[in-house]
Amino acid sequence: MKSSSAKANIIDAITLEKLNLIQNKTLQSVICYLWLNQVNPKETIDVIDAVEFQFTDNTNIVLSGNESQEGIQVIEYNFDEQKAYLEKEFNAKIKIYRVVANNTEMWKNVINTKLERIRLTKDQESDNYLCDEIVFEFENQEMRLIQIHPIDGLILDYYEEI
């Protein structure tokens, strides 16, 4: 349990450990869990609530925003429970979809490729790692950026060195 005095954008120990464990594994599949918010019919909002990375050794990791939406953390994700909760809580105005993203432009070049390294930013004051963005570096020199936004949820993008 994280103490209330901890900064919300410092990575937690469990997330750090699990990210470390997936390095040098081969990515098999990427699944995005999308929320479609139709509370206001004139302004449908869709966000990525969580992203699951599955590896060829049958391990996986699910990343989502932390409680304050200031950082990314590893979570246990039960799609069916989440779907039922949202439908009941929001009278079916918020729906959740499970989308396999393997064939999208973003992910097709890194499927069946080894995830060589995970990059995190280090907080100079505390000497801890931040969790507001994570860079996945693959063996084929492709890189992907995962960021968190307080309103837009997870943001998945290409990453290039400047």
N, C-alpha and C. Protein backbone atom coordinates (compact mmCIF):
# COMPACT_ATOMS: atom_id res chain seq x y z
N MET A 1 0.86 -1.18 0.00
CA MET A 1 0.00 0.00 0.00
C MET A 1 0.90 1.23 0.00
N LYS A 2 0.57 2.15 -0.86
CA LYS A 2 1.40 3.35 -1.00
C LYS A 2 0.99 4.38 0.05
N SER A 3 1.96 5.04 0.63
CA SER A 3 1.64 6.04 1.64
C SER A 3 1.08 7.29 0.97
N SER A 4 0.23 7.98 1.67
CA SER A 4 -0.42 9.16 1.08
C SER A 4 0.57 10.30 0.84
N SER A 5 1.72 10.24 1.49
CA SER A 5 2.70 11.30 1.29
C SER A 5 3.58 11.06 0.05
N ALA A 6 3.50 9.84 -0.53
CA ALA A 6 4.31 9.52 -1.70
C ALA A 6 3.83 10.33 -2.90
N LYS A 7 4.80 10.75 -3.72
CA LYS A 7 4.43 11.48 -4.93
C LYS A 7 3.71 10.53 -5.89
N ALA A 8 2.66 11.01 -6.52
CA ALA A 8 1.83 10.16 -7.37
C ALA A 8 2.51 9.79 -8.68
N ASN A 9 3.62 10.47 -9.02
CA ASN A 9 4.28 10.12 -10.28
C ASN A 9 5.60 9.36 -10.06
N ILE A 10 5.82 8.87 -8.85
CA ILE A 10 6.97 8.00 -8.57
C ILE A 10 6.50 6.56 -8.74
N ILE A 11 7.26 5.77 -9.47
CA ILE A 11 6.84 4.41 -9.77
C ILE A 11 6.82 3.56 -8.49
N ASP A 12 5.82 2.70 -8.39
CA ASP A 12 5.74 1.83 -7.21
C ASP A 12 6.63 0.60 -7.43
N ALA A 13 7.00 -0.05 -6.35
CA ALA A 13 7.95 -1.16 -6.39
C ALA A 13 7.44 -2.34 -7.23
N ILE A 14 6.16 -2.64 -7.15
CA ILE A 14 5.59 -3.76 -7.90
C ILE A 14 5.68 -3.49 -9.40
N THR A 15 5.31 -2.28 -9.82
CA THR A 15 5.38 -1.92 -11.23
C THR A 15 6.82 -1.98 -11.72
N LEU A 16 7.73 -1.44 -10.95
CA LEU A 16 9.14 -1.45 -11.33
C LEU A 16 9.65 -2.89 -11.49
N GLU A 17 9.30 -3.74 -10.55
CA GLU A 17 9.73 -5.14 -10.61
C GLU A 17 9.15 -5.84 -11.84
N LYS A 18 7.86 -5.65 -12.09
CA LYS A 18 7.21 -6.34 -13.23
C LYS A 18 7.73 -5.82 -14.57
N LEU A 19 8.01 -4.53 -14.66
CA LEU A 19 8.59 -3.99 -15.89
C LEU A 19 9.98 -4.59 -16.13
N ASN A 20 10.73 -4.74 -15.06
CA ASN A 20 12.07 -5.34 -15.16
C ASN A 20 11.98 -6.78 -15.66
N LEU A 21 10.98 -7.51 -15.21
CA LEU A 21 10.83 -8.92 -15.57
C LEU A 21 10.47 -9.15 -17.05
N ILE A 22 9.85 -8.17 -17.70
CA ILE A 22 9.46 -8.39 -19.10
C ILE A 22 10.56 -8.03 -20.10
N GLN A 23 11.64 -7.44 -19.63
CA GLN A 23 12.75 -7.15 -20.52
C GLN A 23 13.31 -8.47 -21.06
N ASN A 24 13.70 -8.45 -22.33
CA ASN A 24 14.25 -9.61 -23.02
C ASN A 24 13.23 -10.71 -23.30
N LYS A 25 11.94 -10.37 -23.22
CA LYS A 25 10.89 -11.30 -23.61
C LYS A 25 10.36 -10.88 -24.97
N THR A 26 9.78 -11.84 -25.69
CA THR A 26 9.27 -11.58 -27.03
C THR A 26 7.78 -11.25 -26.96
N LEU A 27 7.44 -10.09 -27.51
CA LEU A 27 6.05 -9.62 -27.49
C LEU A 27 5.20 -10.44 -28.44
N GLN A 28 4.12 -10.97 -27.93
CA GLN A 28 3.22 -11.80 -28.74
C GLN A 28 1.95 -11.05 -29.13
N SER A 29 1.45 -10.23 -28.21
CA SER A 29 0.17 -9.57 -28.48
C SER A 29 0.03 -8.31 -27.63
N VAL A 30 -0.72 -7.33 -28.19
CA VAL A 30 -1.04 -6.10 -27.47
C VAL A 30 -2.55 -5.96 -27.49
N ILE A 31 -3.12 -5.81 -26.31
CA ILE A 31 -4.57 -5.67 -26.19
C ILE A 31 -4.87 -4.34 -25.49
N CYS A 32 -5.69 -3.53 -26.13
CA CYS A 32 -6.11 -2.25 -25.55
C CYS A 32 -7.52 -2.39 -25.00
N TYR A 33 -7.74 -1.86 -23.82
CA TYR A 33 -9.07 -1.82 -23.22
C TYR A 33 -9.57 -0.39 -23.32
N LEU A 34 -10.54 -0.20 -24.21
CA LEU A 34 -11.04 1.14 -24.54
C LEU A 34 -12.35 1.42 -23.83
N TRP A 35 -12.44 2.61 -23.26
CA TRP A 35 -13.70 3.09 -22.69
C TRP A 35 -14.35 3.99 -23.73
N LEU A 36 -15.61 3.76 -23.99
CA LEU A 36 -16.40 4.63 -24.86
C LEU A 36 -17.46 5.29 -23.98
N ASN A 37 -17.28 6.59 -23.73
CA ASN A 37 -18.14 7.34 -22.84
C ASN A 37 -19.19 8.09 -23.67
N GLN A 38 -20.46 7.69 -23.50
CA GLN A 38 -21.56 8.32 -24.23
C GLN A 38 -22.54 8.99 -23.27
N VAL A 39 -22.02 9.45 -22.12
CA VAL A 39 -22.88 10.13 -21.15
C VAL A 39 -23.50 11.36 -21.80
N ASN A 40 -22.68 12.10 -22.56
CA ASN A 40 -23.19 13.22 -23.35
C ASN A 40 -23.20 12.75 -24.81
N PRO A 41 -24.40 12.45 -25.37
CA PRO A 41 -24.48 11.89 -26.73
C PRO A 41 -23.84 12.77 -27.81
N LYS A 42 -23.74 14.07 -27.56
CA LYS A 42 -23.14 14.96 -28.55
C LYS A 42 -21.62 14.95 -28.49
N GLU A 43 -21.08 14.43 -27.40
CA GLU A 43 -19.62 14.40 -27.21
C GLU A 43 -19.17 13.03 -26.73
N THR A 44 -19.10 12.08 -27.64
CA THR A 44 -18.61 10.75 -27.29
C THR A 44 -17.12 10.85 -27.04
N ILE A 45 -16.68 10.28 -25.93
CA ILE A 45 -15.27 10.32 -25.56
C ILE A 45 -14.76 8.88 -25.50
N ASP A 46 -13.62 8.63 -26.15
CA ASP A 46 -13.02 7.31 -25.99
C ASP A 46 -11.60 7.46 -25.46
N VAL A 47 -11.26 6.60 -24.52
CA VAL A 47 -9.93 6.61 -23.91
C VAL A 47 -9.42 5.18 -23.78
N ILE A 48 -8.11 5.04 -23.77
CA ILE A 48 -7.51 3.75 -23.46
C ILE A 48 -7.37 3.69 -21.95
N ASP A 49 -8.12 2.79 -21.34
CA ASP A 49 -8.09 2.63 -19.89
C ASP A 49 -6.90 1.79 -19.45
N ALA A 50 -6.58 0.78 -20.24
CA ALA A 50 -5.48 -0.12 -19.89
C ALA A 50 -4.94 -0.74 -21.16
N VAL A 51 -3.69 -1.19 -21.09
CA VAL A 51 -3.07 -1.90 -22.22
C VAL A 51 -2.38 -3.13 -21.65
N GLU A 52 -2.62 -4.25 -22.32
CA GLU A 52 -2.03 -5.52 -21.89
C GLU A 52 -1.00 -5.97 -22.91
N PHE A 53 0.15 -6.34 -22.42
CA PHE A 53 1.22 -6.88 -23.26
C PHE A 53 1.37 -8.35 -22.91
N GLN A 54 1.21 -9.21 -23.92
CA GLN A 54 1.36 -10.65 -23.73
C GLN A 54 2.63 -11.09 -24.42
N PHE A 55 3.34 -12.02 -23.78
CA PHE A 55 4.63 -12.47 -24.28
C PHE A 55 4.58 -13.95 -24.64
N THR A 56 5.54 -14.38 -25.46
CA THR A 56 5.54 -15.75 -25.97
C THR A 56 5.75 -16.80 -24.88
N ASP A 57 6.24 -16.40 -23.71
CA ASP A 57 6.43 -17.36 -22.62
C ASP A 57 5.19 -17.44 -21.71
N ASN A 58 4.05 -16.94 -22.21
CA ASN A 58 2.76 -16.96 -21.50
C ASN A 58 2.70 -16.03 -20.30
N THR A 59 3.62 -15.07 -20.22
CA THR A 59 3.51 -14.04 -19.18
C THR A 59 2.83 -12.83 -19.80
N ASN A 60 2.33 -11.96 -18.95
CA ASN A 60 1.71 -10.73 -19.43
C ASN A 60 1.84 -9.65 -18.37
N ILE A 61 1.58 -8.42 -18.82
CA ILE A 61 1.59 -7.27 -17.92
C ILE A 61 0.49 -6.33 -18.41
N VAL A 62 -0.28 -5.78 -17.47
CA VAL A 62 -1.33 -4.82 -17.80
C VAL A 62 -0.97 -3.49 -17.15
N LEU A 63 -0.92 -2.44 -17.96
CA LEU A 63 -0.60 -1.10 -17.47
C LEU A 63 -1.83 -0.22 -17.56
N SER A 64 -2.01 0.64 -16.55
CA SER A 64 -3.12 1.58 -16.51
C SER A 64 -2.68 2.79 -15.69
N GLY A 65 -3.51 3.80 -15.65
CA GLY A 65 -3.22 4.97 -14.84
C GLY A 65 -3.43 4.66 -13.37
N ASN A 66 -2.61 5.30 -12.50
CA ASN A 66 -2.83 5.12 -11.07
C ASN A 66 -4.06 5.92 -10.63
N GLU A 67 -4.38 5.85 -9.37
CA GLU A 67 -5.60 6.46 -8.85
C GLU A 67 -5.71 7.95 -9.18
N SER A 68 -4.60 8.66 -9.14
CA SER A 68 -4.61 10.10 -9.39
C SER A 68 -4.41 10.43 -10.88
N GLN A 69 -4.22 9.39 -11.70
CA GLN A 69 -3.94 9.56 -13.14
C GLN A 69 -2.69 10.39 -13.40
N GLU A 70 -1.73 10.34 -12.47
CA GLU A 70 -0.46 11.04 -12.64
C GLU A 70 0.66 10.09 -13.00
N GLY A 71 0.37 8.82 -12.95
CA GLY A 71 1.41 7.83 -13.23
C GLY A 71 0.82 6.56 -13.77
N ILE A 72 1.70 5.72 -14.30
CA ILE A 72 1.31 4.43 -14.87
C ILE A 72 1.69 3.37 -13.85
N GLN A 73 0.82 2.38 -13.71
CA GLN A 73 1.11 1.29 -12.79
C GLN A 73 0.64 -0.03 -13.38
N VAL A 74 1.21 -1.12 -12.87
CA VAL A 74 0.77 -2.46 -13.23
C VAL A 74 -0.49 -2.75 -12.43
N ILE A 75 -1.48 -3.32 -13.10
CA ILE A 75 -2.73 -3.66 -12.42
C ILE A 75 -3.13 -5.09 -12.77
N GLU A 76 -4.00 -5.65 -11.96
CA GLU A 76 -4.69 -6.89 -12.30
C GLU A 76 -5.97 -6.43 -13.00
N TYR A 77 -6.25 -6.98 -14.17
CA TYR A 77 -7.39 -6.48 -14.95
C TYR A 77 -8.34 -7.62 -15.26
N ASN A 78 -9.58 -7.47 -14.84
CA ASN A 78 -10.61 -8.45 -15.17
C ASN A 78 -11.63 -7.75 -16.06
N PHE A 79 -11.53 -8.03 -17.35
CA PHE A 79 -12.37 -7.35 -18.36
C PHE A 79 -13.86 -7.53 -18.06
N ASP A 80 -14.28 -8.76 -17.77
CA ASP A 80 -15.71 -9.01 -17.55
C ASP A 80 -16.24 -8.26 -16.33
N GLU A 81 -15.47 -8.24 -15.25
CA GLU A 81 -15.88 -7.50 -14.05
C GLU A 81 -15.97 -6.00 -14.34
N GLN A 82 -14.97 -5.48 -15.02
CA GLN A 82 -14.94 -4.05 -15.34
C GLN A 82 -16.13 -3.67 -16.22
N LYS A 83 -16.41 -4.50 -17.22
CA LYS A 83 -17.52 -4.25 -18.14
C LYS A 83 -18.85 -4.23 -17.39
N ALA A 84 -19.06 -5.22 -16.53
CA ALA A 84 -20.32 -5.30 -15.77
C ALA A 84 -20.45 -4.11 -14.83
N TYR A 85 -19.37 -3.74 -14.17
CA TYR A 85 -19.39 -2.59 -13.25
C TYR A 85 -19.77 -1.31 -13.99
N LEU A 86 -19.12 -1.04 -15.12
CA LEU A 86 -19.38 0.20 -15.86
C LEU A 86 -20.81 0.25 -16.39
N GLU A 87 -21.31 -0.88 -16.89
CA GLU A 87 -22.68 -0.91 -17.41
C GLU A 87 -23.69 -0.62 -16.30
N LYS A 88 -23.46 -1.21 -15.13
CA LYS A 88 -24.38 -0.99 -14.01
C LYS A 88 -24.25 0.43 -13.46
N GLU A 89 -23.03 0.87 -13.22
CA GLU A 89 -22.78 2.16 -12.59
C GLU A 89 -23.21 3.34 -13.47
N PHE A 90 -23.06 3.21 -14.78
CA PHE A 90 -23.33 4.34 -15.69
C PHE A 90 -24.48 4.06 -16.67
N ASN A 91 -25.36 3.12 -16.30
CA ASN A 91 -26.54 2.81 -17.12
C ASN A 91 -26.19 2.60 -18.60
N ALA A 92 -25.13 1.86 -18.85
CA ALA A 92 -24.67 1.51 -20.20
C ALA A 92 -24.24 2.73 -21.02
N LYS A 93 -24.03 3.87 -20.37
CA LYS A 93 -23.55 5.07 -21.08
C LYS A 93 -22.04 5.03 -21.27
N ILE A 94 -21.36 4.22 -20.46
CA ILE A 94 -19.92 4.00 -20.64
C ILE A 94 -19.74 2.51 -20.92
N LYS A 95 -19.15 2.21 -22.05
CA LYS A 95 -18.92 0.82 -22.44
C LYS A 95 -17.42 0.60 -22.55
N ILE A 96 -17.04 -0.64 -22.41
CA ILE A 96 -15.63 -0.98 -22.52
C ILE A 96 -15.47 -2.05 -23.59
N TYR A 97 -14.42 -1.91 -24.37
CA TYR A 97 -14.14 -2.85 -25.45
C TYR A 97 -12.73 -3.38 -25.32
N ARG A 98 -12.56 -4.63 -25.68
CA ARG A 98 -11.24 -5.29 -25.71
C ARG A 98 -10.81 -5.35 -27.16
N VAL A 99 -9.72 -4.68 -27.49
CA VAL A 99 -9.27 -4.59 -28.88
C VAL A 99 -7.86 -5.15 -29.01
N VAL A 100 -7.71 -6.19 -29.82
CA VAL A 100 -6.38 -6.73 -30.10
C VAL A 100 -5.75 -5.80 -31.13
N ALA A 101 -4.62 -5.22 -30.78
CA ALA A 101 -3.99 -4.18 -31.61
C ALA A 101 -2.81 -4.68 -32.44
N ASN A 102 -2.62 -5.98 -32.51
CA ASN A 102 -1.44 -6.55 -33.18
C ASN A 102 -1.24 -6.08 -34.61
N ASN A 103 -2.31 -5.89 -35.36
CA ASN A 103 -2.19 -5.54 -36.77
C ASN A 103 -2.28 -4.04 -37.04
N THR A 104 -2.30 -3.24 -35.99
CA THR A 104 -2.34 -1.79 -36.19
C THR A 104 -0.95 -1.30 -36.60
N GLU A 105 -0.90 -0.15 -37.23
CA GLU A 105 0.39 0.43 -37.63
C GLU A 105 1.32 0.57 -36.43
N MET A 106 0.76 0.92 -35.29
CA MET A 106 1.56 1.14 -34.08
C MET A 106 2.30 -0.11 -33.62
N TRP A 107 1.66 -1.27 -33.70
CA TRP A 107 2.21 -2.46 -33.06
C TRP A 107 2.70 -3.55 -34.01
N LYS A 108 2.26 -3.57 -35.27
CA LYS A 108 2.58 -4.72 -36.13
C LYS A 108 4.09 -4.94 -36.32
N ASN A 109 4.90 -3.90 -36.28
CA ASN A 109 6.34 -4.05 -36.48
C ASN A 109 7.09 -4.57 -35.26
N VAL A 110 6.41 -4.65 -34.11
CA VAL A 110 7.10 -5.13 -32.91
C VAL A 110 6.52 -6.44 -32.37
N ILE A 111 5.44 -6.93 -32.99
CA ILE A 111 4.91 -8.23 -32.59
C ILE A 111 5.93 -9.29 -32.99
N ASN A 112 6.14 -10.26 -32.11
CA ASN A 112 7.14 -11.32 -32.28
C ASN A 112 8.57 -10.77 -32.31
N THR A 113 8.77 -9.67 -31.59
CA THR A 113 10.08 -9.05 -31.47
C THR A 113 10.44 -8.96 -29.98
N LYS A 114 11.71 -9.11 -29.69
CA LYS A 114 12.16 -9.08 -28.29
C LYS A 114 12.15 -7.64 -27.76
N LEU A 115 11.57 -7.48 -26.58
CA LEU A 115 11.59 -6.21 -25.86
C LEU A 115 12.92 -6.16 -25.11
N GLU A 116 13.87 -5.42 -25.66
CA GLU A 116 15.22 -5.44 -25.11
C GLU A 116 15.37 -4.61 -23.85
N ARG A 117 14.68 -3.49 -23.81
CA ARG A 117 14.93 -2.56 -22.70
C ARG A 117 13.71 -1.72 -22.40
N ILE A 118 13.57 -1.38 -21.14
CA ILE A 118 12.52 -0.44 -20.72
C ILE A 118 13.23 0.77 -20.15
N ARG A 119 12.82 1.93 -20.63
CA ARG A 119 13.41 3.18 -20.14
C ARG A 119 12.40 3.93 -19.28
N LEU A 120 12.92 4.43 -18.16
CA LEU A 120 12.13 5.28 -17.28
C LEU A 120 12.94 6.54 -17.01
N THR A 121 12.26 7.59 -16.62
CA THR A 121 12.93 8.84 -16.26
C THR A 121 13.20 8.83 -14.76
N LYS A 122 14.37 9.31 -14.37
CA LYS A 122 14.73 9.35 -12.95
C LYS A 122 14.47 10.75 -12.39
N ASP A 123 13.82 10.79 -11.23
CA ASP A 123 13.58 12.04 -10.53
C ASP A 123 14.88 12.45 -9.83
N GLN A 124 15.42 13.61 -10.19
CA GLN A 124 16.71 14.05 -9.65
C GLN A 124 16.66 14.33 -8.15
N GLU A 125 15.51 14.81 -7.66
CA GLU A 125 15.38 15.12 -6.23
C GLU A 125 15.40 13.88 -5.36
N SER A 126 14.57 12.91 -5.72
CA SER A 126 14.40 11.74 -4.86
C SER A 126 15.24 10.55 -5.28
N ASP A 127 15.81 10.59 -6.49
CA ASP A 127 16.57 9.48 -7.06
C ASP A 127 15.69 8.26 -7.33
N ASN A 128 14.37 8.47 -7.37
CA ASN A 128 13.42 7.41 -7.73
C ASN A 128 13.03 7.55 -9.20
N TYR A 129 12.51 6.46 -9.75
CA TYR A 129 12.03 6.51 -11.13
C TYR A 129 10.62 7.07 -11.18
N LEU A 130 10.35 7.82 -12.23
CA LEU A 130 9.02 8.38 -12.46
C LEU A 130 8.18 7.38 -13.26
N CYS A 131 6.88 7.51 -13.17
CA CYS A 131 6.00 6.59 -13.89
C CYS A 131 5.03 7.33 -14.80
N ASP A 132 5.37 8.56 -15.18
CA ASP A 132 4.48 9.29 -16.08
C ASP A 132 4.69 8.91 -17.54
N GLU A 133 5.82 8.25 -17.84
CA GLU A 133 6.03 7.72 -19.18
C GLU A 133 7.01 6.56 -19.13
N ILE A 134 6.77 5.62 -20.04
CA ILE A 134 7.61 4.43 -20.14
C ILE A 134 7.95 4.25 -21.61
N VAL A 135 9.21 3.96 -21.91
CA VAL A 135 9.62 3.70 -23.29
C VAL A 135 9.99 2.23 -23.40
N PHE A 136 9.37 1.55 -24.38
CA PHE A 136 9.71 0.17 -24.70
C PHE A 136 10.66 0.21 -25.89
N GLU A 137 11.81 -0.41 -25.74
CA GLU A 137 12.82 -0.44 -26.80
C GLU A 137 12.95 -1.89 -27.29
N PHE A 138 12.64 -2.11 -28.57
CA PHE A 138 12.64 -3.46 -29.14
C PHE A 138 13.93 -3.74 -29.89
N GLU A 139 14.22 -5.03 -30.10
CA GLU A 139 15.47 -5.44 -30.74
C GLU A 139 15.59 -4.94 -32.18
N ASN A 140 14.49 -4.61 -32.84
CA ASN A 140 14.54 -4.12 -34.22
C ASN A 140 14.68 -2.60 -34.29
N GLN A 141 15.11 -1.99 -33.20
CA GLN A 141 15.34 -0.54 -33.08
C GLN A 141 14.04 0.27 -33.03
N GLU A 142 12.90 -0.39 -33.00
CA GLU A 142 11.61 0.31 -32.85
C GLU A 142 11.41 0.63 -31.36
N MET A 143 10.80 1.78 -31.10
CA MET A 143 10.51 2.16 -29.72
C MET A 143 9.07 2.67 -29.62
N ARG A 144 8.45 2.38 -28.49
CA ARG A 144 7.09 2.84 -28.24
C ARG A 144 7.05 3.55 -26.89
N LEU A 145 6.24 4.61 -26.85
CA LEU A 145 6.10 5.45 -25.67
C LEU A 145 4.71 5.25 -25.08
N ILE A 146 4.67 5.04 -23.79
CA ILE A 146 3.39 4.95 -23.07
C ILE A 146 3.40 6.09 -22.06
N GLN A 147 2.38 6.94 -22.15
CA GLN A 147 2.26 8.08 -21.24
C GLN A 147 0.88 8.06 -20.61
N ILE A 148 0.74 8.85 -19.58
CA ILE A 148 -0.55 8.99 -18.91
C ILE A 148 -0.99 10.44 -18.98
N HIS A 149 -2.28 10.64 -19.19
CA HIS A 149 -2.86 11.98 -19.21
C HIS A 149 -4.06 11.96 -18.28
N PRO A 150 -4.22 12.97 -17.43
CA PRO A 150 -5.29 12.96 -16.43
C PRO A 150 -6.70 12.84 -17.03
N ILE A 151 -6.90 13.30 -18.24
CA ILE A 151 -8.22 13.25 -18.86
C ILE A 151 -8.27 12.23 -19.99
N ASP A 152 -7.21 12.15 -20.78
CA ASP A 152 -7.21 11.29 -21.97
C ASP A 152 -6.77 9.85 -21.70
N GLY A 153 -6.44 9.51 -20.48
CA GLY A 153 -6.04 8.14 -20.15
C GLY A 153 -4.65 7.82 -20.67
N LEU A 154 -4.45 6.56 -21.03
CA LEU A 154 -3.16 6.14 -21.56
C LEU A 154 -2.99 6.65 -22.98
N ILE A 155 -1.79 7.07 -23.28
CA ILE A 155 -1.45 7.52 -24.63
C ILE A 155 -0.32 6.63 -25.12
N LEU A 156 -0.55 5.96 -26.25
CA LEU A 156 0.43 5.07 -26.85
C LEU A 156 0.94 5.74 -28.11
N ASP A 157 2.26 5.82 -28.26
CA ASP A 157 2.81 6.55 -29.41
C ASP A 157 4.16 5.95 -29.80
N TYR A 158 4.61 6.35 -30.97
CA TYR A 158 5.96 6.02 -31.40
C TYR A 158 6.93 6.87 -30.61
N TYR A 159 8.15 6.36 -30.42
CA TYR A 159 9.17 7.13 -29.73
C TYR A 159 10.41 7.14 -30.61
N GLU A 160 10.96 8.32 -30.79
CA GLU A 160 12.19 8.44 -31.56
C GLU A 160 13.17 9.28 -30.77
N GLU A 161 14.42 8.90 -30.83
CA GLU A 161 15.48 9.66 -30.17
C GLU A 161 15.67 10.96 -30.92
N ILE A 162 15.92 12.03 -30.18
CA ILE A 162 16.13 13.32 -30.83
C ILE A 162 17.61 13.56 -30.99
